[in-house]
């Protein structure tokens, strides 16, 4: 990850090229902070992508796993794969119940 207090175009270009090389598809929407360097670099690398700079646009993603974070914080992480599997399965089950997607076995 490239970190700087004032991002420059070459650092942003390098970061976005690396990020795009890991994807199998071209993104239609890119969410970044409001740094002035991103619009030019995004127009150069992904001209068809919509550049979204709203301050709290990723809060839906953060809020979705906040319940899991609240559960894991007192436990100080998952020590084994088995506990990770149990906690994640339970979390997914509770999310589905809350959304009205009950499963029958």
C-alpha atoms as a PDB file:
ATOM      1  CA  UNK A   1       0.000   0.000   0.000  1.00  0.00           C
ATOM      2  CA  UNK A   2       1.280   3.427  -0.884  1.00  0.00           C
ATOM      3  CA  UNK A   3       0.918   5.902   1.977  1.00  0.00           C
ATOM      4  CA  UNK A   4       1.600   9.610   1.892  1.00  0.00           C
ATOM      5  CA  UNK A   5       0.132  12.739   3.392  1.00  0.00           C
ATOM      6  CA  UNK A   6      -0.164  14.227  -0.116  1.00  0.00           C
ATOM      7  CA  UNK A   7      -0.722  11.522  -2.745  1.00  0.00           C
ATOM      8  CA  UNK A   8       0.886  12.229  -6.075  1.00  0.00           C
ATOM      9  CA  UNK A   9      -0.174  10.977  -9.480  1.00  0.00           C
ATOM     10  CA  UNK A  10       2.557   8.356  -9.865  1.00  0.00           C
ATOM     11  CA  UNK A  11       1.784   6.805  -6.461  1.00  0.00           C
ATOM     12  CA  UNK A  12      -1.950   6.796  -7.211  1.00  0.00           C
ATOM     13  CA  UNK A  13      -1.344   5.305 -10.657  1.00  0.00           C
ATOM     14  CA  UNK A  14       0.868   2.561  -9.172  1.00  0.00           C
ATOM     15  CA  UNK A  15      -1.678   1.775  -6.469  1.00  0.00           C
ATOM     16  CA  UNK A  16      -4.603   1.590  -8.906  1.00  0.00           C
ATOM     17  CA  UNK A  17      -2.670  -0.520 -11.420  1.00  0.00           C
ATOM     18  CA  UNK A  18      -1.811  -3.009  -8.687  1.00  0.00           C
ATOM     19  CA  UNK A  19      -5.397  -3.064  -7.471  1.00  0.00           C
ATOM     20  CA  UNK A  20      -6.758  -3.531 -10.995  1.00  0.00           C
ATOM     21  CA  UNK A  21      -4.302  -6.334 -11.746  1.00  0.00           C
ATOM     22  CA  UNK A  22      -5.885  -8.448  -8.993  1.00  0.00           C
ATOM     23  CA  UNK A  23      -9.414  -8.067 -10.396  1.00  0.00           C
ATOM     24  CA  UNK A  24     -10.952 -10.273 -13.057  1.00  0.00           C
ATOM     25  CA  UNK A  25     -13.394  -7.556 -14.159  1.00  0.00           C
ATOM     26  CA  UNK A  26     -13.199  -3.831 -14.772  1.00  0.00           C
ATOM     27  CA  UNK A  27     -15.005  -1.938 -12.005  1.00  0.00           C
ATOM     28  CA  UNK A  28     -17.960   0.260 -12.916  1.00  0.00           C
ATOM     29  CA  UNK A  29     -17.616   2.320  -9.736  1.00  0.00           C
ATOM     30  CA  UNK A  30     -14.537   3.379  -7.774  1.00  0.00           C
ATOM     31  CA  UNK A  31     -14.799   4.822  -4.253  1.00  0.00           C
ATOM     32  CA  UNK A  32     -11.892   6.953  -3.022  1.00  0.00           C
ATOM     33  CA  UNK A  33     -11.275   9.851  -0.721  1.00  0.00           C
ATOM     34  CA  UNK A  34     -11.504  13.362  -2.150  1.00  0.00           C
ATOM     35  CA  UNK A  35      -7.826  13.732  -3.080  1.00  0.00           C
ATOM     36  CA  UNK A  36      -7.457  15.879  -6.195  1.00  0.00           C
ATOM     37  CA  UNK A  37      -5.131  13.407  -7.888  1.00  0.00           C
ATOM     38  CA  UNK A  38      -7.655  10.560  -8.288  1.00  0.00           C
ATOM     39  CA  UNK A  39      -9.988  11.933 -11.003  1.00  0.00           C
ATOM     40  CA  UNK A  40      -7.190  12.346 -13.540  1.00  0.00           C
ATOM     41  CA  UNK A  41      -5.606   8.978 -12.810  1.00  0.00           C
ATOM     42  CA  UNK A  42      -8.965   7.182 -12.874  1.00  0.00           C
ATOM     43  CA  UNK A  43      -9.879   8.808 -16.186  1.00  0.00           C
ATOM     44  CA  UNK A  44      -6.573   7.570 -17.553  1.00  0.00           C
ATOM     45  CA  UNK A  45      -6.810   3.978 -16.265  1.00  0.00           C
ATOM     46  CA  UNK A  46     -10.576   3.317 -16.158  1.00  0.00           C
ATOM     47  CA  UNK A  47     -12.374   5.936 -18.251  1.00  0.00           C
ATOM     48  CA  UNK A  48     -15.748   4.164 -18.006  1.00  0.00           C
ATOM     49  CA  UNK A  49     -15.759   3.942 -14.184  1.00  0.00           C
ATOM     50  CA  UNK A  50     -17.806   6.285 -12.040  1.00  0.00           C
ATOM     51  CA  UNK A  51     -15.632   7.975  -9.417  1.00  0.00           C
ATOM     52  CA  UNK A  52     -17.546   8.179  -6.153  1.00  0.00           C
ATOM     53  CA  UNK A  53     -16.114  10.518  -3.496  1.00  0.00           C
ATOM     54  CA  UNK A  54     -18.935  10.789  -0.963  1.00  0.00           C
ATOM     55  CA  UNK A  55     -17.500  10.801   2.544  1.00  0.00           C
ATOM     56  CA  UNK A  56     -19.509   7.949   4.076  1.00  0.00           C
ATOM     57  CA  UNK A  57     -20.260   5.856   0.993  1.00  0.00           C
ATOM     58  CA  UNK A  58     -18.641   2.694   2.362  1.00  0.00           C
ATOM     59  CA  UNK A  59     -20.546   2.783   5.667  1.00  0.00           C
ATOM     60  CA  UNK A  60     -22.948   0.055   4.484  1.00  0.00           C
ATOM     61  CA  UNK A  61     -19.991  -2.297   4.116  1.00  0.00           C
ATOM     62  CA  UNK A  62     -18.575  -1.289   7.493  1.00  0.00           C
ATOM     63  CA  UNK A  63     -21.961  -1.588   9.211  1.00  0.00           C
ATOM     64  CA  UNK A  64     -22.579  -5.079   7.843  1.00  0.00           C
ATOM     65  CA  UNK A  65     -19.683  -6.627   9.733  1.00  0.00           C
ATOM     66  CA  UNK A  66     -19.858  -4.404  12.805  1.00  0.00           C
ATOM     67  CA  UNK A  67     -21.923  -7.018  14.666  1.00  0.00           C
ATOM     68  CA  UNK A  68     -19.217  -9.590  14.023  1.00  0.00           C
ATOM     69  CA  UNK A  69     -16.577  -7.128  15.216  1.00  0.00           C
ATOM     70  CA  UNK A  70     -18.540  -6.552  18.434  1.00  0.00           C
ATOM     71  CA  UNK A  71     -18.693 -10.302  19.020  1.00  0.00           C
ATOM     72  CA  UNK A  72     -14.992 -10.866  18.363  1.00  0.00           C
ATOM     73  CA  UNK A  73     -13.572  -7.912  20.322  1.00  0.00           C
ATOM     74  CA  UNK A  74     -14.112  -9.447  23.805  1.00  0.00           C
ATOM     75  CA  UNK A  75     -12.739 -12.769  22.544  1.00  0.00           C
ATOM     76  CA  UNK A  76      -9.542 -11.094  21.253  1.00  0.00           C
ATOM     77  CA  UNK A  77      -9.731 -12.832  17.917  1.00  0.00           C
ATOM     78  CA  UNK A  78     -10.300 -16.380  16.749  1.00  0.00           C
ATOM     79  CA  UNK A  79      -7.675 -18.811  17.990  1.00  0.00           C
ATOM     80  CA  UNK A  80      -8.473 -21.826  15.802  1.00  0.00           C
ATOM     81  CA  UNK A  81     -10.099 -22.543  12.459  1.00  0.00           C
ATOM     82  CA  UNK A  82     -12.893 -24.439  14.219  1.00  0.00           C
ATOM     83  CA  UNK A  83     -13.914 -21.431  16.330  1.00  0.00           C
ATOM     84  CA  UNK A  84     -13.756 -19.209  13.242  1.00  0.00           C
ATOM     85  CA  UNK A  85     -16.044 -21.608  11.388  1.00  0.00           C
ATOM     86  CA  UNK A  86     -18.545 -21.723  14.265  1.00  0.00           C
ATOM     87  CA  UNK A  87     -18.634 -17.954  14.801  1.00  0.00           C
ATOM     88  CA  UNK A  88     -18.923 -17.126  11.090  1.00  0.00           C
ATOM     89  CA  UNK A  89     -21.663 -19.725  10.547  1.00  0.00           C
ATOM     90  CA  UNK A  90     -23.577 -18.421  13.557  1.00  0.00           C
ATOM     91  CA  UNK A  91     -23.178 -14.833  12.399  1.00  0.00           C
ATOM     92  CA  UNK A  92     -24.431 -15.680   8.906  1.00  0.00           C
ATOM     93  CA  UNK A  93     -27.386 -17.577  10.389  1.00  0.00           C
ATOM     94  CA  UNK A  94     -28.385 -14.646  12.606  1.00  0.00           C
ATOM     95  CA  UNK A  95     -28.045 -12.188   9.712  1.00  0.00           C
ATOM     96  CA  UNK A  96     -30.300 -14.385   7.574  1.00  0.00           C
ATOM     97  CA  UNK A  97     -32.872 -14.667  10.378  1.00  0.00           C
ATOM     98  CA  UNK A  98     -32.876 -10.913  10.821  1.00  0.00           C
ATOM     99  CA  UNK A  99     -33.384 -10.405   7.080  1.00  0.00           C
ATOM    100  CA  UNK A 100     -36.195 -12.967   6.971  1.00  0.00           C
ATOM    101  CA  UNK A 101     -34.238 -15.639   5.081  1.00  0.00           C
ATOM    102  CA  UNK A 102     -34.850 -18.659   7.287  1.00  0.00           C
ATOM    103  CA  UNK A 103     -33.416 -21.981   6.184  1.00  0.00           C
ATOM    104  CA  UNK A 104     -34.826 -25.398   7.020  1.00  0.00           C
ATOM    105  CA  UNK A 105     -32.771 -28.488   7.489  1.00  0.00           C
END
